[in-house]
C-alpha atoms as a PDB file:
ATOM      1  CA  MET A   1     136.249  84.441 110.501  1.00  0.00           C
ATOM      2  CA  GLN A   2     138.424  82.241 112.706  1.00  0.00           C
ATOM      3  CA  LYS A   3     141.120  84.129 114.599  1.00  0.00           C
ATOM      4  CA  VAL A   4     144.791  83.147 114.320  1.00  0.00           C
ATOM      5  CA  ALA A   5     147.478  83.019 117.021  1.00  0.00           C
ATOM      6  CA  ILE A   6     151.225  82.672 116.414  1.00  0.00           C
ATOM      7  CA  VAL A   7     153.374  81.279 119.238  1.00  0.00           C
ATOM      8  CA  THR A   8     157.148  81.253 118.908  1.00  0.00           C
ATOM      9  CA  GLY A   9     158.954  78.534 120.809  1.00  0.00           C
ATOM     10  CA  GLY A  10     155.741  76.530 120.927  1.00  0.00           C
ATOM     11  CA  SER A  11     157.104  72.992 121.130  1.00  0.00           C
ATOM     12  CA  SER A  12     157.546  72.756 124.920  1.00  0.00           C
ATOM     13  CA  GLY A  13     156.974  74.441 128.260  1.00  0.00           C
ATOM     14  CA  ILE A  14     154.920  77.632 128.410  1.00  0.00           C
ATOM     15  CA  GLY A  15     154.893  77.892 124.613  1.00  0.00           C
ATOM     16  CA  LYS A  16     153.324  74.475 124.160  1.00  0.00           C
ATOM     17  CA  SER A  17     150.726  75.219 126.819  1.00  0.00           C
ATOM     18  CA  LEU A  18     149.839  78.476 125.063  1.00  0.00           C
ATOM     19  CA  VAL A  19     149.500  76.701 121.714  1.00  0.00           C
ATOM     20  CA  LEU A  20     147.056  74.205 123.217  1.00  0.00           C
ATOM     21  CA  LYS A  21     145.196  76.910 125.151  1.00  0.00           C
ATOM     22  CA  TYR A  22     144.581  79.065 122.089  1.00  0.00           C
ATOM     23  CA  ALA A  23     143.603  76.013 120.049  1.00  0.00           C
ATOM     24  CA  ASN A  24     141.122  75.004 122.751  1.00  0.00           C
ATOM     25  CA  GLU A  25     139.663  78.524 122.625  1.00  0.00           C
ATOM     26  CA  GLY A  26     138.914  78.125 118.924  1.00  0.00           C
ATOM     27  CA  TYR A  27     141.926  79.825 117.352  1.00  0.00           C
ATOM     28  CA  ALA A  28     143.894  78.482 114.431  1.00  0.00           C
ATOM     29  CA  VAL A  29     147.433  78.245 115.785  1.00  0.00           C
ATOM     30  CA  VAL A  30     150.835  78.640 114.211  1.00  0.00           C
ATOM     31  CA  PHE A  31     153.807  77.565 116.272  1.00  0.00           C
ATOM     32  CA  THR A  32     157.546  77.429 115.749  1.00  0.00           C
ATOM     33  CA  GLY A  33     160.383  75.479 117.258  1.00  0.00           C
ATOM     34  CA  ARG A  34     163.683  73.788 116.455  1.00  0.00           C
ATOM     35  CA  ASN A  35     163.023  70.302 117.832  1.00  0.00           C
ATOM     36  CA  GLY A  36     161.148  68.292 115.214  1.00  0.00           C
ATOM     37  CA  ASP A  37     160.210  65.478 117.587  1.00  0.00           C
ATOM     38  CA  ARG A  38     158.671  67.821 120.134  1.00  0.00           C
ATOM     39  CA  MET A  39     156.826  69.706 117.422  1.00  0.00           C
ATOM     40  CA  ALA A  40     155.401  66.439 116.114  1.00  0.00           C
ATOM     41  CA  GLN A  41     154.130  65.663 119.618  1.00  0.00           C
ATOM     42  CA  VAL A  42     152.351  69.028 119.812  1.00  0.00           C
ATOM     43  CA  ALA A  43     150.855  68.410 116.373  1.00  0.00           C
ATOM     44  CA  THR A  44     149.530  65.056 117.582  1.00  0.00           C
ATOM     45  CA  GLU A  45     147.902  66.707 120.595  1.00  0.00           C
ATOM     46  CA  LEU A  46     146.281  69.328 118.360  1.00  0.00           C
ATOM     47  CA  GLY A  47     144.685  66.583 116.284  1.00  0.00           C
ATOM     48  CA  GLU A  48     142.168  67.862 113.753  1.00  0.00           C
ATOM     49  CA  ARG A  49     142.219  71.462 114.942  1.00  0.00           C
ATOM     50  CA  PRO A  50     143.639  73.936 112.393  1.00  0.00           C
ATOM     51  CA  PHE A  51     147.352  74.567 112.887  1.00  0.00           C
ATOM     52  CA  LEU A  52     150.628  75.191 111.119  1.00  0.00           C
ATOM     53  CA  ALA A  53     153.895  73.869 112.582  1.00  0.00           C
ATOM     54  CA  LEU A  54     157.065  75.550 111.340  1.00  0.00           C
ATOM     55  CA  GLU A  55     160.525  74.249 112.230  1.00  0.00           C
ATOM     56  CA  LEU A  56     162.296  77.610 112.357  1.00  0.00           C
ATOM     57  CA  ASP A  57     164.991  79.445 114.309  1.00  0.00           C
ATOM     58  CA  ALA A  58     163.565  82.292 116.410  1.00  0.00           C
ATOM     59  CA  SER A  59     166.884  84.160 116.272  1.00  0.00           C
ATOM     60  CA  ASP A  60     166.938  84.246 112.468  1.00  0.00           C
ATOM     61  CA  LYS A  61     165.454  87.344 110.812  1.00  0.00           C
ATOM     62  CA  ASP A  62     164.522  85.540 107.584  1.00  0.00           C
ATOM     63  CA  ASP A  63     162.896  82.675 109.482  1.00  0.00           C
ATOM     64  CA  ASN A  64     160.667  85.159 111.293  1.00  0.00           C
ATOM     65  CA  GLU A  65     159.660  86.742 108.007  1.00  0.00           C
ATOM     66  CA  LYS A  66     158.886  83.275 106.671  1.00  0.00           C
ATOM     67  CA  MET A  67     156.791  82.513 109.761  1.00  0.00           C
ATOM     68  CA  VAL A  68     154.510  85.465 109.118  1.00  0.00           C
ATOM     69  CA  ASP A  69     154.421  84.906 105.342  1.00  0.00           C
ATOM     70  CA  GLU A  70     153.407  81.252 105.789  1.00  0.00           C
ATOM     71  CA  THR A  71     150.767  82.240 108.320  1.00  0.00           C
ATOM     72  CA  MET A  72     149.225  84.718 105.894  1.00  0.00           C
ATOM     73  CA  LYS A  73     149.320  82.201 103.041  1.00  0.00           C
ATOM     74  CA  LYS A  74     147.521  79.546 105.079  1.00  0.00           C
ATOM     75  CA  PHE A  75     145.155  81.574 107.255  1.00  0.00           C
ATOM     76  CA  GLY A  76     145.126  85.107 105.834  1.00  0.00           C
ATOM     77  CA  ARG A  77     145.362  86.996 109.127  1.00  0.00           C
ATOM     78  CA  VAL A  78     147.185  87.400 112.454  1.00  0.00           C
ATOM     79  CA  ASP A  79     145.242  88.244 115.613  1.00  0.00           C
ATOM     80  CA  VAL A  80     147.668  87.262 118.368  1.00  0.00           C
ATOM     81  CA  LEU A  81     151.454  87.125 118.385  1.00  0.00           C
ATOM     82  CA  VAL A  82     153.084  85.438 121.373  1.00  0.00           C
ATOM     83  CA  CYS A  83     156.818  86.137 121.580  1.00  0.00           C
ATOM     84  CA  ASN A  84     157.738  83.219 123.777  1.00  0.00           C
ATOM     85  CA  ALA A  85     160.902  81.650 122.318  1.00  0.00           C
ATOM     86  CA  GLY A  86     163.720  81.933 124.799  1.00  0.00           C
ATOM     87  CA  ILE A  87     166.710  80.341 126.439  1.00  0.00           C
ATOM     88  CA  SER A  88     168.401  80.855 129.813  1.00  0.00           C
ATOM     89  CA  MET A  89     171.955  80.636 131.162  1.00  0.00           C
ATOM     90  CA  ARG A  90     173.753  79.996 134.447  1.00  0.00           C
ATOM     91  CA  ALA A  91     177.318  81.225 134.843  1.00  0.00           C
ATOM     92  CA  LEU A  92     179.189  84.139 136.326  1.00  0.00           C
ATOM     93  CA  PHE A  93     179.885  86.976 133.907  1.00  0.00           C
ATOM     94  CA  GLU A  94     183.632  86.686 134.533  1.00  0.00           C
ATOM     95  CA  ASP A  95     183.498  83.067 133.333  1.00  0.00           C
ATOM     96  CA  VAL A  96     180.934  83.167 130.541  1.00  0.00           C
ATOM     97  CA  GLU A  97     182.024  83.194 126.917  1.00  0.00           C
ATOM     98  CA  LEU A  98     180.780  86.268 125.085  1.00  0.00           C
ATOM     99  CA  GLU A  99     179.221  84.107 122.386  1.00  0.00           C
ATOM    100  CA  VAL A 100     176.795  82.800 125.035  1.00  0.00           C
ATOM    101  CA  PHE A 101     175.807  86.390 125.809  1.00  0.00           C
ATOM    102  CA  LYS A 102     175.197  87.084 122.114  1.00  0.00           C
ATOM    103  CA  GLN A 103     173.215  83.873 121.672  1.00  0.00           C
ATOM    104  CA  LEU A 104     170.799  84.806 124.444  1.00  0.00           C
ATOM    105  CA  MET A 105     170.317  88.313 123.076  1.00  0.00           C
ATOM    106  CA  ASP A 106     169.751  86.916 119.571  1.00  0.00           C
ATOM    107  CA  ILE A 107     167.061  84.475 120.699  1.00  0.00           C
ATOM    108  CA  ASN A 108     165.362  86.270 123.589  1.00  0.00           C
ATOM    109  CA  PHE A 109     165.551  89.878 122.412  1.00  0.00           C
ATOM    110  CA  TYR A 110     166.110  89.986 118.672  1.00  0.00           C
ATOM    111  CA  GLY A 111     163.815  86.994 118.173  1.00  0.00           C
ATOM    112  CA  ALA A 112     160.971  89.045 119.656  1.00  0.00           C
ATOM    113  CA  ILE A 113     161.969  92.096 117.599  1.00  0.00           C
ATOM    114  CA  TYR A 114     161.967  90.182 114.316  1.00  0.00           C
ATOM    115  CA  ALA A 115     158.666  88.430 114.963  1.00  0.00           C
ATOM    116  CA  THR A 116     156.970  91.673 115.960  1.00  0.00           C
ATOM    117  CA  LYS A 117     158.389  93.612 113.013  1.00  0.00           C
ATOM    118  CA  TYR A 118     156.909  91.262 110.433  1.00  0.00           C
ATOM    119  CA  ALA A 119     153.631  90.580 112.245  1.00  0.00           C
ATOM    120  CA  LEU A 120     152.853  94.182 113.218  1.00  0.00           C
ATOM    121  CA  PRO A 121     151.265  95.323 109.910  1.00  0.00           C
ATOM    122  CA  HIS A 122     148.778  92.448 110.141  1.00  0.00           C
ATOM    123  CA  LEU A 123     148.133  93.048 113.843  1.00  0.00           C
ATOM    124  CA  LEU A 124     147.387  96.703 113.113  1.00  0.00           C
ATOM    125  CA  GLU A 125     144.888  95.545 110.525  1.00  0.00           C
ATOM    126  CA  SER A 126     143.190  93.067 112.862  1.00  0.00           C
ATOM    127  CA  LYS A 127     143.598  95.296 115.944  1.00  0.00           C
ATOM    128  CA  GLY A 128     145.200  92.317 117.570  1.00  0.00           C
ATOM    129  CA  THR A 129     147.310  91.477 120.592  1.00  0.00           C
ATOM    130  CA  ILE A 130     151.031  91.065 121.200  1.00  0.00           C
ATOM    131  CA  ILE A 131     152.049  88.962 124.196  1.00  0.00           C
ATOM    132  CA  ALA A 132     155.671  89.164 125.276  1.00  0.00           C
ATOM    133  CA  VAL A 133     156.694  86.335 127.583  1.00  0.00           C
ATOM    134  CA  SER A 134     159.437  87.890 129.691  1.00  0.00           C
ATOM    135  CA  SER A 135     160.490  86.982 133.236  1.00  0.00           C
ATOM    136  CA  ILE A 136     160.771  88.338 136.754  1.00  0.00           C
ATOM    137  CA  ASN A 137     164.395  88.756 135.659  1.00  0.00           C
ATOM    138  CA  GLY A 138     163.101  91.529 133.429  1.00  0.00           C
ATOM    139  CA  TRP A 139     162.277  93.483 136.606  1.00  0.00           C
ATOM    140  CA  ARG A 140     165.013  92.266 138.942  1.00  0.00           C
ATOM    141  CA  SER A 141     168.302  90.716 137.836  1.00  0.00           C
ATOM    142  CA  THR A 142     169.850  87.744 139.615  1.00  0.00           C
ATOM    143  CA  PRO A 143     173.493  86.654 139.817  1.00  0.00           C
ATOM    144  CA  ALA A 144     174.800  84.116 137.290  1.00  0.00           C
ATOM    145  CA  ARG A 145     172.052  85.188 134.881  1.00  0.00           C
ATOM    146  CA  THR A 146     173.604  88.375 133.477  1.00  0.00           C
ATOM    147  CA  ALA A 147     172.848  87.548 129.837  1.00  0.00           C
ATOM    148  CA  TYR A 148     169.349  86.282 130.576  1.00  0.00           C
ATOM    149  CA  SER A 149     168.459  89.294 132.714  1.00  0.00           C
ATOM    150  CA  SER A 150     169.879  91.691 130.134  1.00  0.00           C
ATOM    151  CA  SER A 151     167.820  90.133 127.362  1.00  0.00           C
ATOM    152  CA  LYS A 152     164.626  90.373 129.406  1.00  0.00           C
ATOM    153  CA  PHE A 153     165.247  93.979 130.481  1.00  0.00           C
ATOM    154  CA  ALA A 154     165.809  94.857 126.818  1.00  0.00           C
ATOM    155  CA  MET A 155     162.689  92.983 125.796  1.00  0.00           C
ATOM    156  CA  GLN A 156     160.515  94.820 128.307  1.00  0.00           C
ATOM    157  CA  GLY A 157     161.953  98.191 127.333  1.00  0.00           C
ATOM    158  CA  PHE A 158     161.146  97.522 123.700  1.00  0.00           C
ATOM    159  CA  PHE A 159     157.565  96.453 124.336  1.00  0.00           C
ATOM    160  CA  GLU A 160     156.916  99.363 126.671  1.00  0.00           C
ATOM    161  CA  ALA A 161     157.958 101.768 123.915  1.00  0.00           C
ATOM    162  CA  LEU A 162     155.988  99.862 121.273  1.00  0.00           C
ATOM    163  CA  ARG A 163     152.893  99.828 123.469  1.00  0.00           C
ATOM    164  CA  THR A 164     152.795 103.600 123.567  1.00  0.00           C
ATOM    165  CA  GLU A 165     153.360 103.773 119.801  1.00  0.00           C
ATOM    166  CA  VAL A 166     150.331 101.620 118.986  1.00  0.00           C
ATOM    167  CA  MET A 167     148.031 102.301 121.953  1.00  0.00           C
ATOM    168  CA  THR A 168     145.760 104.586 119.915  1.00  0.00           C
ATOM    169  CA  ARG A 169     145.709 102.240 116.929  1.00  0.00           C
ATOM    170  CA  GLY A 170     143.922  99.282 118.466  1.00  0.00           C
ATOM    171  CA  VAL A 171     146.849  96.944 119.186  1.00  0.00           C
ATOM    172  CA  HIS A 172     147.116  95.615 122.722  1.00  0.00           C
ATOM    173  CA  VAL A 173     150.531  94.766 124.240  1.00  0.00           C
ATOM    174  CA  LEU A 174     150.784  92.494 127.279  1.00  0.00           C
ATOM    175  CA  VAL A 175     154.083  91.704 129.004  1.00  0.00           C
ATOM    176  CA  VAL A 176     153.965  88.478 131.013  1.00  0.00           C
ATOM    177  CA  CYS A 177     156.580  87.868 133.701  1.00  0.00           C
ATOM    178  CA  PRO A 178     156.484  84.319 135.038  1.00  0.00           C
ATOM    179  CA  GLY A 179     158.372  83.457 138.174  1.00  0.00           C
ATOM    180  CA  PHE A 180     159.875  80.007 138.541  1.00  0.00           C
ATOM    181  CA  THR A 181     157.808  77.800 136.244  1.00  0.00           C
ATOM    182  CA  SER A 182     157.986  74.054 135.740  1.00  0.00           C
ATOM    183  CA  SER A 183     159.371  73.724 132.215  1.00  0.00           C
ATOM    184  CA  ASN A 184     162.523  72.600 130.454  1.00  0.00           C
ATOM    185  CA  ILE A 185     164.139  76.073 130.379  1.00  0.00           C
ATOM    186  CA  ARG A 186     166.557  75.273 133.207  1.00  0.00           C
ATOM    187  CA  ASN A 187     167.478  71.904 131.692  1.00  0.00           C
ATOM    188  CA  VAL A 188     168.602  73.566 128.470  1.00  0.00           C
ATOM    189  CA  ALA A 189     170.059  76.689 130.135  1.00  0.00           C
ATOM    190  CA  LEU A 190     173.575  77.397 128.880  1.00  0.00           C
ATOM    191  CA  THR A 191     176.655  77.178 131.065  1.00  0.00           C
ATOM    192  CA  ALA A 192     179.779  79.333 130.714  1.00  0.00           C
ATOM    193  CA  ASP A 193     180.993  77.507 127.603  1.00  0.00           C
ATOM    194  CA  GLY A 194     177.596  77.426 125.873  1.00  0.00           C
ATOM    195  CA  LYS A 195     176.677  73.812 126.690  1.00  0.00           C
ATOM    196  CA  ALA A 196     173.275  72.911 128.158  1.00  0.00           C
ATOM    197  CA  GLN A 197     173.486  72.288 131.907  1.00  0.00           C
ATOM    198  CA  GLY A 198     171.294  69.197 131.503  1.00  0.00           C
ATOM    199  CA  GLU A 199     169.497  69.138 134.852  1.00  0.00           C
ATOM    200  CA  SER A 200     167.477  71.752 136.685  1.00  0.00           C
ATOM    201  CA  PRO A 201     169.086  72.955 139.926  1.00  0.00           C
ATOM    202  CA  ARG A 202     165.630  73.500 141.421  1.00  0.00           C
ATOM    203  CA  ASP A 203     162.682  71.382 142.532  1.00  0.00           C
ATOM    204  CA  GLU A 204     160.395  71.659 139.519  1.00  0.00           C
ATOM    205  CA  LYS A 205     157.455  70.063 141.369  1.00  0.00           C
ATOM    206  CA  LYS A 206     157.095  73.098 143.657  1.00  0.00           C
ATOM    207  CA  MET A 207     156.788  75.556 140.773  1.00  0.00           C
ATOM    208  CA  MET A 208     153.804  76.983 138.909  1.00  0.00           C
ATOM    209  CA  SER A 209     152.853  74.756 135.980  1.00  0.00           C
ATOM    210  CA  SER A 210     153.156  75.849 132.360  1.00  0.00           C
ATOM    211  CA  ASP A 211     149.429  75.213 131.934  1.00  0.00           C
ATOM    212  CA  GLU A 212     148.586  77.642 134.745  1.00  0.00           C
ATOM    213  CA  VAL A 213     150.848  80.287 133.195  1.00  0.00           C
ATOM    214  CA  ALA A 214     149.087  79.796 129.855  1.00  0.00           C
ATOM    215  CA  GLU A 215     145.623  80.046 131.405  1.00  0.00           C
ATOM    216  CA  ARG A 216     146.437  83.211 133.321  1.00  0.00           C
ATOM    217  CA  THR A 217     148.143  84.707 130.275  1.00  0.00           C
ATOM    218  CA  TYR A 218     145.120  84.050 128.095  1.00  0.00           C
ATOM    219  CA  GLN A 219     142.775  85.633 130.629  1.00  0.00           C
ATOM    220  CA  ALA A 220     145.052  88.673 131.089  1.00  0.00           C
ATOM    221  CA  ALA A 221     145.178  89.231 127.334  1.00  0.00           C
ATOM    222  CA  LYS A 222     141.417  88.873 127.123  1.00  0.00           C
ATOM    223  CA  LYS A 223     141.038  91.563 129.820  1.00  0.00           C
ATOM    224  CA  LYS A 224     143.561  93.832 128.028  1.00  0.00           C
ATOM    225  CA  LYS A 225     145.946  93.934 130.976  1.00  0.00           C
ATOM    226  CA  ARG A 226     149.229  95.779 130.588  1.00  0.00           C
ATOM    227  CA  ASP A 227     151.446  93.549 132.739  1.00  0.00           C
ATOM    228  CA  LEU A 228     151.092  90.144 134.342  1.00  0.00           C
ATOM    229  CA  ILE A 229     153.518  89.299 137.153  1.00  0.00           C
ATOM    230  CA  LEU A 230     153.174  85.702 138.292  1.00  0.00           C
ATOM    231  CA  THR A 231     153.868  83.829 141.543  1.00  0.00           C
ATOM    232  CA  PHE A 232     153.931  85.303 145.037  1.00  0.00           C
ATOM    233  CA  GLN A 233     157.723  85.155 145.076  1.00  0.00           C
ATOM    234  CA  GLY A 234     157.882  87.033 141.788  1.00  0.00           C
ATOM    235  CA  LYS A 235     155.516  89.763 142.969  1.00  0.00           C
ATOM    236  CA  MET A 236     157.497  90.177 146.187  1.00  0.00           C
ATOM    237  CA  ALA A 237     160.767  90.476 144.245  1.00  0.00           C
ATOM    238  CA  VAL A 238     159.343  93.279 142.092  1.00  0.00           C
ATOM    239  CA  PHE A 239     157.899  95.096 145.119  1.00  0.00           C
ATOM    240  CA  LEU A 240     160.974  94.759 147.339  1.00  0.00           C
ATOM    241  CA  ASN A 241     163.241  95.869 144.504  1.00  0.00           C
ATOM    242  CA  LYS A 242     161.369  99.190 144.535  1.00  0.00           C
ATOM    243  CA  VAL A 243     161.448  99.765 148.282  1.00  0.00           C
ATOM    244  CA  ILE A 244     164.573  98.035 149.656  1.00  0.00           C
ATOM    245  CA  PRO A 245     166.820  97.229 146.660  1.00  0.00           C
ATOM    246  CA  SER A 246     170.058  97.006 148.677  1.00  0.00           C
ATOM    247  CA  ARG A 247     168.590  94.536 151.163  1.00  0.00           C
ATOM    248  CA  LEU A 248     167.165  92.553 148.281  1.00  0.00           C
ATOM    249  CA  ASP A 249     170.672  92.239 146.840  1.00  0.00           C
ATOM    250  CA  ASN A 250     171.689  90.291 149.942  1.00  0.00           C
ATOM    251  CA  MET A 251     168.481  88.258 150.032  1.00  0.00           C
ATOM    252  CA  ILE A 252     168.844  87.204 146.412  1.00  0.00           C
ATOM    253  CA  TYR A 253     172.527  86.394 146.819  1.00  0.00           C
ATOM    254  CA  ASN A 254     171.773  84.126 149.777  1.00  0.00           C
ATOM    255  CA  MET A 255     168.881  82.481 147.955  1.00  0.00           C
ATOM    256  CA  MET A 256     170.889  81.776 144.798  1.00  0.00           C
ATOM    257  CA  LYS A 257     173.819  80.551 146.912  1.00  0.00           C
ATOM    258  CA  LYS A 258     171.608  77.677 148.063  1.00  0.00           C
ATOM    259  CA  GLU A 259     171.153  76.315 144.537  1.00  0.00           C
ATOM    260  CA  PRO A 260     172.976  72.999 143.998  1.00  0.00           C
ATOM    261  CA  ASP A 261     176.295  73.487 142.189  1.00  0.00           C
ATOM    262  CA  ASN A 262     175.771  77.247 142.133  1.00  0.00           C
ATOM    263  CA  PRO A 263     178.603  79.178 140.431  1.00  0.00           C
ATOM    264  CA  LEU A 264     178.818  81.918 143.078  1.00  0.00           C
ATOM    265  CA  LYS A 265     182.259  82.151 144.682  1.00  0.00           C
END
């Protein structure tokens, strides 16, 4: 029987690349998103391969239940759940509106909780895989990303606990932590008042591509890896945060200070 992969936030960036990767590997794919035009483009690229596109809100509990229900109605099983939907932010905590903080937690953290809650019974049955797309910010926070870092720390804490709950029941949990990746996440990152910043403050051409992240994620899941930390810079940040955290504070401050229009004062 054909295996089925669900990817939340699958209309662009890493999510889109994962949708296409799993489809190319012979999976039926279900993907969600909120941008109908982008979803239609992904559907066009999938062509005749089996898929289900659902225009849903990752932060909505009922929409996540619907996502799993529709998957079961169409394909009858869930083998892989990729919790990828997410949004970033860029503003100092003293300036950011608290609604922005809540919005990031609702999408990045609770979105993953809801999706996992409804998919887990079917993943236990199929002895499937959960892939949580987190961030290096889930290991090491950076200034002007307090809400984003908080959501990723919470996400990783949840999946670490869940992993140990299901480790003897056949379900594999992989946490993927990309470093800077070329995608639209910085373009749509929220500013202090909740508006999208519009342009990335970084040179996207020098970053790891979404396709490479998807390929390495797929291979890590296939090998049943526990964690996947991507990019040399990301690996160094995790390592240095363990051995010289105070010095890393200064290094990160100076690095972020170089971003165009950075909010640091």
